[in-house]
Protein backbone atom coordinates (compact mmCIF):
# COMPACT_ATOMS: atom_id res chain seq x y z
CA MET A 1 22.29 1.14 -40.63
CA VAL A 2 18.93 0.08 -42.09
CA THR A 3 18.24 -2.12 -39.06
CA VAL A 4 19.09 0.66 -36.61
CA TYR A 5 16.96 3.15 -38.53
CA TRP A 6 14.04 0.70 -38.59
CA GLU A 7 14.26 0.08 -34.83
CA GLN A 8 14.41 3.81 -34.10
CA THR A 9 11.45 4.50 -36.38
CA THR A 10 9.41 1.66 -34.86
CA THR A 11 10.14 2.89 -31.34
CA ALA A 12 9.16 6.45 -32.26
CA ILE A 13 5.86 5.31 -33.81
CA ARG A 14 5.12 3.07 -30.83
CA ARG A 15 5.77 5.87 -28.37
CA LEU A 16 3.67 8.32 -30.35
CA SER A 17 0.79 5.83 -30.34
CA MET A 18 1.10 5.24 -26.60
CA ASN A 19 1.41 8.94 -25.92
CA GLU A 20 -1.93 9.50 -27.67
CA GLU A 21 -3.49 6.72 -25.59
CA LEU A 22 -2.18 8.25 -22.39
CA LYS A 23 -3.48 11.66 -23.38
CA ARG A 24 -6.92 10.15 -23.83
CA ALA A 25 -6.59 8.71 -20.32
CA HIS A 26 -5.88 12.20 -18.93
CA ASN A 27 -2.38 11.24 -17.88
CA THR A 28 -0.91 12.73 -14.70
CA PRO A 29 1.61 15.60 -14.79
CA LEU A 30 3.98 13.36 -12.80
CA LEU A 31 5.07 11.42 -15.86
CA HIS A 32 5.77 14.69 -17.63
CA ILE A 33 7.97 15.87 -14.76
CA ASP A 34 9.95 12.62 -14.62
CA THR A 35 9.93 11.94 -18.36
CA ALA A 36 12.59 9.22 -18.23
CA ALA A 37 10.45 7.19 -15.83
CA GLY A 38 7.42 7.87 -18.00
CA TRP A 39 8.98 6.44 -21.15
CA ARG A 40 10.29 3.40 -19.30
CA ILE A 41 6.78 2.69 -18.01
CA TYR A 42 5.30 3.15 -21.50
CA ASP A 43 7.83 0.69 -22.93
CA GLU A 44 7.03 -1.85 -20.20
CA VAL A 45 3.34 -1.62 -21.02
CA ASP A 46 4.05 -2.14 -24.70
CA ASP A 47 6.32 -5.13 -24.00
CA ALA A 48 3.69 -6.78 -21.78
CA ARG A 49 1.06 -6.32 -24.46
CA ARG A 50 3.30 -7.90 -27.07
CA ASP A 51 3.79 -10.76 -24.60
CA GLY A 52 0.07 -11.43 -24.72
CA TYR A 53 -1.16 -9.64 -21.60
CA GLU A 54 -4.06 -7.24 -21.34
CA VAL A 55 -2.54 -4.06 -19.91
CA THR A 56 -4.40 -0.80 -19.46
CA ILE A 57 -3.48 2.55 -17.96
CA GLY A 58 -5.60 4.01 -15.19
CA ASP A 59 -7.74 7.09 -15.52
CA THR A 60 -8.91 7.53 -11.92
CA PHE A 61 -9.62 11.07 -10.81
CA ASP A 62 -7.77 12.81 -7.98
CA LYS A 63 -8.31 16.40 -6.87
CA ALA A 64 -4.55 16.92 -7.12
CA TYR A 65 -4.79 16.84 -10.91
CA ASP A 66 -6.70 20.11 -10.77
CA HIS A 67 -3.47 21.71 -9.52
CA PRO A 68 -0.59 20.54 -11.77
CA GLY A 69 1.52 23.46 -10.58
CA LYS A 70 1.31 22.14 -7.03
CA ILE A 71 2.43 18.69 -8.17
CA SER A 72 5.47 20.25 -9.84
CA GLN A 73 6.19 22.45 -6.83
CA VAL A 74 6.05 19.58 -4.32
CA HIS A 75 8.16 17.37 -6.59
CA ALA A 76 10.87 20.06 -6.78
CA PHE A 77 10.72 20.67 -3.02
CA LEU A 78 11.13 16.98 -2.16
CA HIS A 79 13.70 16.36 -4.89
CA GLU A 80 15.96 19.01 -3.38
CA HIS A 81 15.71 17.30 0.01
CA ASP A 82 16.45 13.93 -1.62
CA MET A 83 19.64 15.26 -3.21
CA GLN A 84 20.83 16.68 0.11
CA LEU A 85 20.14 13.38 1.85
CA GLU A 86 21.99 11.44 -0.83
CA GLN A 87 25.11 13.47 -0.06
CA ASP A 88 24.61 12.70 3.62
CA ARG A 89 24.27 9.02 2.79
CA LYS A 90 27.61 9.03 0.97
CA GLN A 91 29.26 10.61 4.01
CA VAL A 92 27.74 8.00 6.32
CA ILE A 93 29.07 5.20 4.12
CA ALA A 94 32.49 6.86 3.98
CA GLN A 95 32.54 6.90 7.79
CA GLY A 96 32.29 3.12 7.83
CA LEU A 97 28.66 2.41 8.64
CA GLY A 98 28.26 0.74 5.28
CA ARG A 99 30.52 -2.12 6.42
CA LEU A 100 28.41 -3.11 9.43
CA GLY A 101 27.10 -6.66 9.81
CA LEU A 102 29.12 -9.76 10.60
CA ASN A 103 26.56 -12.36 9.54
CA PRO A 104 26.82 -12.60 5.73
CA LEU A 105 23.15 -13.64 5.52
CA LYS A 106 22.05 -10.43 7.20
CA ARG A 107 24.88 -8.11 6.24
CA ASP A 108 22.93 -6.08 3.69
CA TYR A 109 20.00 -5.69 6.06
CA ARG A 110 22.18 -4.57 8.97
CA ARG A 111 24.10 -2.23 6.72
CA GLU A 112 20.93 -0.56 5.45
CA LYS A 113 19.49 -0.32 8.96
CA ALA A 114 22.67 1.30 10.25
CA ILE A 115 22.73 3.82 7.41
CA ASP A 116 19.04 4.56 7.87
CA ALA A 117 19.49 5.13 11.61
CA ALA A 118 22.32 7.57 10.95
CA LEU A 119 20.21 9.52 8.45
CA GLU A 120 17.08 9.59 10.59
CA PRO A 121 17.96 12.70 12.66
CA LEU A 122 18.58 14.61 9.42
CA ARG A 123 15.15 13.70 8.04
CA VAL A 124 13.54 15.01 11.21
CA GLN A 125 15.74 18.12 11.29
CA ARG A 126 15.15 19.12 7.67
CA LEU A 127 11.68 17.95 6.69
CA PHE A 128 9.47 16.44 9.36
CA GLY A 129 10.46 18.64 12.30
CA PRO A 130 10.03 22.07 10.68
CA ASN A 131 6.72 20.98 9.16
CA ARG A 132 5.36 19.46 12.39
CA ALA A 133 5.04 15.98 10.91
CA VAL A 134 7.24 13.95 13.28
CA ALA A 135 4.19 12.12 14.66
CA TRP A 136 3.36 10.96 11.13
CA HIS A 137 6.96 10.00 10.42
CA GLU A 138 6.97 7.87 13.58
CA GLN A 139 4.27 5.74 11.90
CA ARG A 140 6.48 5.04 8.85
CA GLY A 141 6.10 1.52 7.60
CA ARG A 142 2.76 1.13 9.37
CA ALA A 143 -0.76 1.18 8.02
CA ALA A 144 -1.74 4.23 10.08
CA ALA A 145 0.51 6.46 7.98
CA LEU A 146 -1.54 5.63 4.89
CA LEU A 147 -4.68 7.03 6.55
CA SER A 148 -3.19 10.51 6.22
CA ILE A 149 -2.49 9.98 2.53
CA VAL A 150 -5.87 8.57 1.51
CA SER A 151 -7.64 11.34 3.49
CA ALA A 152 -5.24 14.13 2.52
CA HIS A 153 -7.67 16.30 0.57
CA ASP A 154 -10.04 16.38 3.55
CA MET A 155 -7.42 17.36 6.15
CA GLN A 156 -7.74 20.63 8.03
CA VAL A 157 -4.71 22.91 8.10
CA ASP A 158 -3.84 23.80 11.70
CA GLN A 159 -7.30 22.57 12.77
CA ASP A 160 -9.04 25.31 10.81
CA PRO A 161 -12.49 23.84 9.99
CA THR A 162 -12.78 25.97 6.85
CA THR A 163 -9.87 24.06 5.28
CA GLY A 164 -11.14 20.49 5.58
CA GLN A 165 -13.06 17.84 7.46
CA TYR A 166 -10.49 16.07 9.64
CA ALA A 167 -8.76 18.00 12.43
CA THR A 168 -5.74 15.71 12.84
CA MET A 169 -3.36 13.72 10.65
CA SER A 170 -5.07 10.41 11.45
CA GLY A 171 -8.03 11.48 9.31
CA PRO A 172 -11.18 9.47 10.13
CA LEU A 173 -9.51 7.62 13.02
CA ASP A 174 -9.77 9.17 16.47
CA ALA A 175 -8.48 8.50 19.99
CA ARG A 176 -11.10 5.82 20.72
CA VAL A 177 -8.74 3.30 19.19
CA LEU A 178 -6.40 3.74 22.19
CA ASP A 179 -9.01 2.22 24.51
CA TYR A 180 -10.46 -0.33 22.10
CA THR A 181 -11.58 -3.76 23.31
CA PHE A 182 -12.12 -6.44 20.67
CA GLY A 183 -15.60 -7.89 20.23
CA GLN A 184 -17.01 -11.27 19.28
CA ASN A 185 -16.15 -10.74 15.61
CA ALA A 186 -12.48 -11.26 16.57
CA PRO A 187 -12.48 -14.91 17.73
CA ARG A 188 -9.02 -15.02 19.33
CA LEU A 189 -9.15 -11.49 20.73
CA ALA A 190 -12.73 -11.23 22.02
CA GLY A 191 -12.75 -9.27 25.30
CA VAL A 192 -9.06 -8.31 25.04
CA ASN A 193 -8.16 -4.61 25.19
CA ILE A 194 -5.71 -3.11 22.73
CA GLU A 195 -2.83 -2.77 25.18
CA GLN A 196 -2.98 -6.44 26.18
CA ALA A 197 -3.38 -7.48 22.55
CA LEU A 198 -0.19 -5.59 21.67
CA ILE A 199 1.67 -7.19 24.57
CA ASN A 200 0.53 -10.65 23.48
CA ALA A 201 1.60 -9.99 19.88
CA GLU A 202 5.04 -8.76 20.96
CA LYS A 203 5.58 -11.97 22.92
CA GLN A 204 4.08 -14.36 20.38
CA TYR A 205 5.34 -12.91 17.10
CA SER A 206 8.57 -11.17 18.15
CA GLY A 207 9.65 -13.39 21.05
CA HIS A 208 9.98 -10.57 23.60
CA THR A 209 9.84 -11.09 27.34
CA GLU A 210 6.80 -9.88 29.30
CA ALA A 211 8.66 -6.79 30.53
CA ARG A 212 10.01 -5.91 27.10
CA ALA A 213 6.64 -6.56 25.47
CA LYS A 214 4.91 -4.18 27.90
CA GLN A 215 7.52 -1.52 27.23
CA ARG A 216 7.13 -1.80 23.46
CA ALA A 217 3.33 -1.85 23.64
CA SER A 218 3.31 1.27 25.81
CA LYS A 219 5.62 3.10 23.42
CA ARG A 220 3.51 2.07 20.44
CA LEU A 221 0.34 3.43 22.04
CA GLN A 222 2.11 6.64 23.01
CA LYS A 223 3.17 7.23 19.39
CA MET A 224 -0.31 6.41 18.19
CA GLU A 225 -1.80 8.93 20.61
CA GLU A 226 0.53 11.63 19.28
CA PHE A 227 -0.50 10.70 15.75
CA VAL A 228 -4.27 10.90 16.34
CA LEU A 229 -3.94 14.22 18.18
CA SER A 230 -1.47 16.04 15.90
CA SER A 231 -2.65 18.80 13.59
CA VAL A 232 -1.55 19.13 9.97
CA SER A 233 0.75 21.93 8.79
CA PRO A 234 0.31 23.58 5.37
CA VAL A 235 3.51 22.05 3.94
CA PHE A 236 2.74 18.57 5.24
CA LYS A 237 -0.74 18.71 3.71
CA ASP A 238 0.81 19.67 0.37
CA VAL A 239 3.19 16.71 0.57
CA ILE A 240 0.47 14.15 1.29
CA GLN A 241 -1.76 15.66 -1.40
CA TYR A 242 0.66 16.18 -4.28
CA SER A 243 3.70 13.89 -3.91
CA ALA A 244 4.14 10.93 -6.26
CA ASP A 245 3.79 8.38 -3.46
CA ALA A 246 0.57 9.99 -2.24
CA LEU A 247 -0.95 9.99 -5.72
CA GLY A 248 0.11 6.37 -6.14
CA ILE A 249 -1.50 5.22 -2.90
CA ARG A 250 -4.80 6.91 -3.68
CA SER A 251 -4.93 5.70 -7.28
CA ARG A 252 -4.12 2.15 -6.14
CA LYS A 253 -7.06 2.34 -3.74
CA ALA A 254 -9.37 3.64 -6.46
CA GLU A 255 -8.36 0.98 -9.00
CA VAL A 256 -8.89 -1.86 -6.51
CA HIS A 257 -12.24 -0.45 -5.43
CA GLN A 258 -13.41 -0.16 -9.02
CA ALA A 259 -12.27 -3.67 -10.00
CA ILE A 260 -13.82 -5.39 -6.98
CA ARG A 261 -17.09 -3.49 -7.26
CA HIS A 262 -17.51 -4.33 -10.94
CA HIS A 263 -16.61 -7.97 -10.37
CA LEU A 264 -18.97 -8.52 -7.45
CA VAL A 265 -21.92 -6.61 -8.86
CA ASP A 266 -21.72 -8.59 -12.11
CA THR A 267 -20.94 -11.95 -10.49
CA LEU A 268 -23.51 -11.83 -7.71
CA HIS A 269 -26.22 -10.55 -10.02
CA ALA A 270 -25.60 -13.58 -12.24
CA ALA A 271 -25.63 -15.84 -9.15
CA GLY A 272 -29.03 -14.63 -7.99
CA GLY A 273 -27.84 -12.16 -5.37
CA ARG A 274 -26.02 -14.45 -2.91
CA GLU A 275 -23.69 -12.90 -0.32
CA TYR A 276 -19.97 -12.56 -1.07
CA LEU A 277 -16.92 -13.48 1.00
CA MET A 278 -13.80 -11.31 0.76
CA MET A 279 -10.45 -11.50 2.52
CA SER A 280 -7.88 -8.75 2.89
CA PHE A 281 -4.51 -10.39 3.62
CA GLY A 282 -2.25 -7.99 5.55
CA CYS A 283 -5.21 -5.62 5.72
CA GLY A 284 -3.72 -2.84 7.89
CA THR A 285 -6.43 -0.33 8.80
CA ALA A 286 -8.48 -1.72 5.88
CA LEU A 287 -10.02 1.64 4.97
CA PRO A 288 -9.97 0.95 1.19
CA MET A 289 -11.73 -2.40 1.61
CA LEU A 290 -14.20 -0.98 4.13
CA GLU A 291 -15.10 1.66 1.56
CA VAL A 292 -15.74 -1.14 -0.95
CA ILE A 293 -18.23 -2.99 1.27
CA GLN A 294 -19.87 0.30 2.29
CA ASP A 295 -20.29 1.22 -1.38
CA LEU A 296 -21.69 -2.21 -2.27
CA LYS A 297 -24.14 -2.06 0.62
CA ASN A 298 -25.36 1.51 0.17
CA HIS A 299 -25.44 1.86 -3.61
CA TYR A 300 -25.90 -1.66 -5.00
CA ASP A 301 -27.69 -3.52 -2.18
CA VAL A 302 -24.94 -6.14 -2.36
CA HIS A 303 -24.06 -7.71 0.98
CA GLY A 304 -21.40 -10.06 2.28
CA ARG A 305 -18.55 -10.53 4.69
CA LEU A 306 -15.01 -9.15 4.80
CA ILE A 307 -12.31 -11.13 6.60
CA LEU A 308 -9.54 -8.90 7.92
CA LEU A 309 -6.24 -10.70 8.46
CA ASP A 310 -3.19 -9.00 9.95
CA GLN A 311 -0.63 -9.60 12.69
CA ASP A 312 -0.82 -6.04 14.03
CA PRO A 313 -3.54 -5.68 16.71
CA LEU A 314 -3.43 -1.88 16.53
CA ALA A 315 -4.10 -1.91 12.80
CA LEU A 316 -7.01 -4.31 13.35
CA ALA A 317 -8.41 -2.18 16.18
CA SER A 318 -8.22 0.83 13.86
CA ALA A 319 -10.07 -1.13 11.19
CA ALA A 320 -12.78 -2.10 13.67
CA CYS A 321 -13.27 1.51 14.77
CA LEU A 322 -13.49 2.70 11.18
CA ALA A 323 -15.91 -0.09 10.25
CA LYS A 324 -18.26 0.87 13.07
CA ASP A 325 -18.22 4.54 12.08
CA MET A 326 -18.93 3.60 8.45
CA GLY A 327 -21.90 1.42 9.34
CA VAL A 328 -20.30 -1.87 8.28
CA GLY A 329 -19.08 -3.14 11.65
CA ASP A 330 -21.36 -6.17 11.44
CA ALA A 331 -19.85 -7.18 8.08
CA ILE A 332 -16.26 -7.76 9.23
CA GLU A 333 -14.49 -10.73 10.78
CA ILE A 334 -11.14 -10.04 12.47
CA HIS A 335 -8.21 -12.45 12.67
CA CYS A 336 -4.92 -11.48 14.31
CA GLU A 337 -2.45 -14.09 13.10
CA ARG A 338 1.16 -14.26 12.08
CA LEU A 339 1.03 -13.92 8.30
CA PHE A 340 4.16 -15.91 7.50
CA GLY A 341 5.89 -18.75 9.30
CA LYS A 342 9.48 -19.00 10.45
CA PHE A 343 10.62 -20.22 7.03
CA GLY A 344 8.56 -17.72 5.04
CA GLY A 345 5.54 -19.80 4.15
CA PRO A 346 2.16 -18.03 4.37
CA ILE A 347 -0.45 -18.99 6.93
CA LYS A 348 -2.72 -21.82 5.80
CA LEU A 349 -5.86 -19.90 4.95
CA GLN A 350 -8.16 -22.81 5.70
CA SER A 351 -7.25 -22.37 9.38
CA ILE A 352 -9.36 -19.21 9.08
CA LEU A 353 -11.76 -20.02 6.27
CA ARG A 354 -12.77 -23.43 7.68
CA GLY A 355 -14.22 -24.83 4.50
CA ARG A 356 -15.28 -21.53 2.98
CA GLN A 357 -14.01 -20.23 -0.36
CA LEU A 358 -13.31 -16.64 -1.32
CA ASP A 359 -15.01 -14.51 -3.93
CA ILE A 360 -12.32 -11.85 -3.55
CA ALA A 361 -8.76 -12.26 -2.28
CA GLU A 362 -7.04 -8.89 -1.85
CA ASP A 363 -3.50 -8.01 -0.74
CA SER A 364 -2.85 -4.90 -2.81
CA GLY A 365 -0.17 -3.35 -0.60
CA LEU A 366 1.67 -6.46 0.56
CA ARG A 367 3.56 -8.14 -2.30
CA GLU A 368 6.12 -5.36 -2.63
CA TYR A 369 7.50 -6.33 0.79
CA LEU A 370 7.95 -9.99 -0.17
CA PRO A 371 10.91 -11.73 -1.80
CA ASP A 372 10.13 -13.75 -4.91
CA ALA A 373 9.83 -17.16 -3.23
CA ILE A 374 7.31 -15.93 -0.65
CA TYR A 375 5.45 -13.98 -3.35
CA ARG A 376 4.97 -17.23 -5.27
CA SER A 377 3.91 -19.25 -2.22
CA LEU A 378 1.34 -16.62 -1.19
CA THR A 379 -0.04 -16.59 -4.73
CA ARG A 380 -0.45 -20.38 -4.71
CA GLU A 381 -2.09 -20.40 -1.27
CA THR A 382 -4.49 -17.62 -2.23
CA TRP A 383 -5.36 -19.27 -5.55
CA ARG A 384 -6.20 -22.56 -3.82
CA ASN A 385 -8.77 -20.84 -1.61
CA LEU A 386 -10.42 -18.76 -4.33
CA ARG A 387 -13.69 -20.11 -5.65
CA SER A 388 -14.29 -20.62 -9.36
CA GLY A 389 -15.31 -17.23 -10.72
CA GLY A 390 -13.39 -15.44 -7.95
CA LEU A 391 -10.97 -12.54 -8.28
CA MET A 392 -7.46 -12.21 -6.84
CA THR A 393 -6.23 -8.63 -6.69
CA THR A 394 -2.69 -7.68 -5.85
CA GLY A 395 -0.14 -5.08 -6.85
CA ASN A 396 3.45 -3.93 -6.75
CA MET A 397 5.28 -0.64 -6.85
CA ASN A 398 6.92 -0.14 -10.25
CA SER A 399 10.70 -0.19 -10.62
CA ASN A 400 10.40 2.54 -13.23
CA ARG A 401 8.02 4.73 -11.27
CA PRO A 402 8.45 8.53 -11.10
CA HIS A 403 10.31 10.06 -8.14
CA ALA A 404 11.39 6.64 -6.89
CA GLU A 405 14.16 8.01 -4.66
CA PHE A 406 11.84 9.76 -2.19
CA LEU A 407 10.29 6.65 -0.60
CA HIS A 408 13.51 5.31 0.89
CA GLY A 409 15.29 8.65 0.81
CA MET A 410 13.80 11.62 2.57
CA MET A 411 10.58 9.84 3.52
CA GLY A 412 12.58 7.03 5.11
CA TRP A 413 9.92 4.33 4.67
CA TRP A 414 10.86 1.06 6.36
CA PRO A 415 10.85 -1.86 5.73
CA LYS A 416 12.18 -1.43 2.24
CA VAL A 417 9.87 -1.98 -0.68
CA GLN A 418 10.92 -4.39 -3.42
CA MET A 419 9.96 -2.51 -6.57
CA ARG A 420 9.35 -4.69 -9.62
CA THR A 421 8.84 -4.31 -13.34
CA ILE A 422 5.54 -5.29 -14.93
CA ALA A 423 7.28 -8.28 -16.51
CA GLU A 424 8.61 -9.46 -13.14
CA GLY A 425 5.14 -9.36 -11.59
CA ALA A 426 3.72 -11.29 -14.54
CA ARG A 427 6.51 -13.87 -14.31
CA LEU A 428 5.91 -14.47 -10.59
CA HIS A 429 2.23 -15.10 -11.26
CA ARG A 430 3.10 -17.62 -13.99
CA GLU A 431 5.68 -19.36 -11.79
CA ALA A 432 3.00 -19.75 -9.12
CA GLY A 433 0.88 -21.66 -11.62
CA ILE A 434 -1.46 -18.87 -12.70
CA PRO A 435 -2.47 -19.14 -16.38
CA ARG A 436 -1.18 -16.25 -18.45
CA GLN A 437 -4.62 -15.43 -19.85
CA ALA A 438 -6.14 -15.17 -16.35
CA THR A 439 -4.23 -12.02 -15.35
CA ARG A 440 -4.80 -8.51 -16.58
CA MET A 441 -2.71 -5.52 -15.49
CA ARG A 442 -3.63 -1.95 -14.73
CA VAL A 443 -0.90 0.66 -14.40
CA THR A 444 -2.04 3.47 -12.12
CA ARG A 445 -2.43 6.84 -13.75
CA ASP A 446 0.61 8.22 -11.92
CA GLY A 447 2.89 5.34 -12.95
CA VAL A 448 3.71 4.39 -9.35
CA TYR A 449 1.92 1.02 -9.19
CA THR A 450 0.84 -1.85 -11.37
CA MET A 451 -2.21 -3.77 -10.21
CA TYR A 452 -2.68 -7.43 -11.15
CA PHE A 453 -6.29 -8.64 -11.39
CA THR A 454 -6.58 -12.39 -11.84
CA ASP A 455 -9.85 -14.22 -12.59
CA LYS A 456 -10.23 -17.88 -11.65
CA GLN A 457 -12.31 -19.74 -14.21
């Protein structure tokens, strides 16, 4: 009885202490809506600290926090849809789709794909169709969809210029990307237009025939055109402003920006102002990293080069268009390469770096799609190519995050994200050979992500 009482008292004191810390950090209303998730996150932070790690909780600002009632309202709206879809999922499984898949190595994947395909018409019918967001939903799992989220507060409602800056759901990206031709800063794609680049990627990375590759490339461009031309409805704007996933994406971007800026300004000042070299592995449209180099250039007179590495030509073309508009087009280097080999190993980075070493290695939105073995191998490969004094920044969606069911429920994000605990992320870094004391963690203010910032001494 004494032991139980002591444990309960210790836990209560610990939680009270952490609650005060979180209040000082202006904690998000999300963790007060999903209180169970909130306490699990707090306990994870405490455990990691007792394990010797430096763990802090983010305090980045988002305009959504000025409207806590909207956050609650959107959470309730989406939660109701999630519960309806969960009932639909049970019916689908009862009908036998859950048993699909003859190959035992791919059975779970085929099963989940079959269930997801059966639920897809219901997502469109109930959420995305009525709120005119099908064009966005068609981008699920792709970097373009994140443009809407990071630009959400600046979106116009129904193309009313009094309600925002951007007229369509693609935010700062416009239809020029559909006719883009790669320049000399893309060594293997120089002079190639986006349609041909997509065809080549379909053949090289997916093994499709010429005819099939052309068909898929054409469909991809058609969906992208719909995306960059579609207006934003009031409900959809609310979702991408106030949902847990939206807050998580924007706070992740802000935390990475802040960490890289501080690191480079301090490091390069100490090094006499030399230029930096950064790489974004699986960069997507790269808007967060482009904002970093724009900020460094305009406000700190710090200059360097950003290597963009991805296997999606359309994402890279989008990044190139954005970079030009932001005035940093001459600071990027584009590489369209398969990120992982047939057996899961990451690309050898020296095939791109050619003797150079990185000041910053960033892959903040990638690790949550990787199984443990590939996570470790990517960490080792990145670490090898980071110069002494460099910074590796990565992240993972938290297992104990608030409103976790929406991402793979009503939103229908695919491929599936492998959510991890803080301890699991720390363990994978250690197993890749990273010294414990080199990594510090930052839990985003909303509780959705944990960022891992690792300094190489």
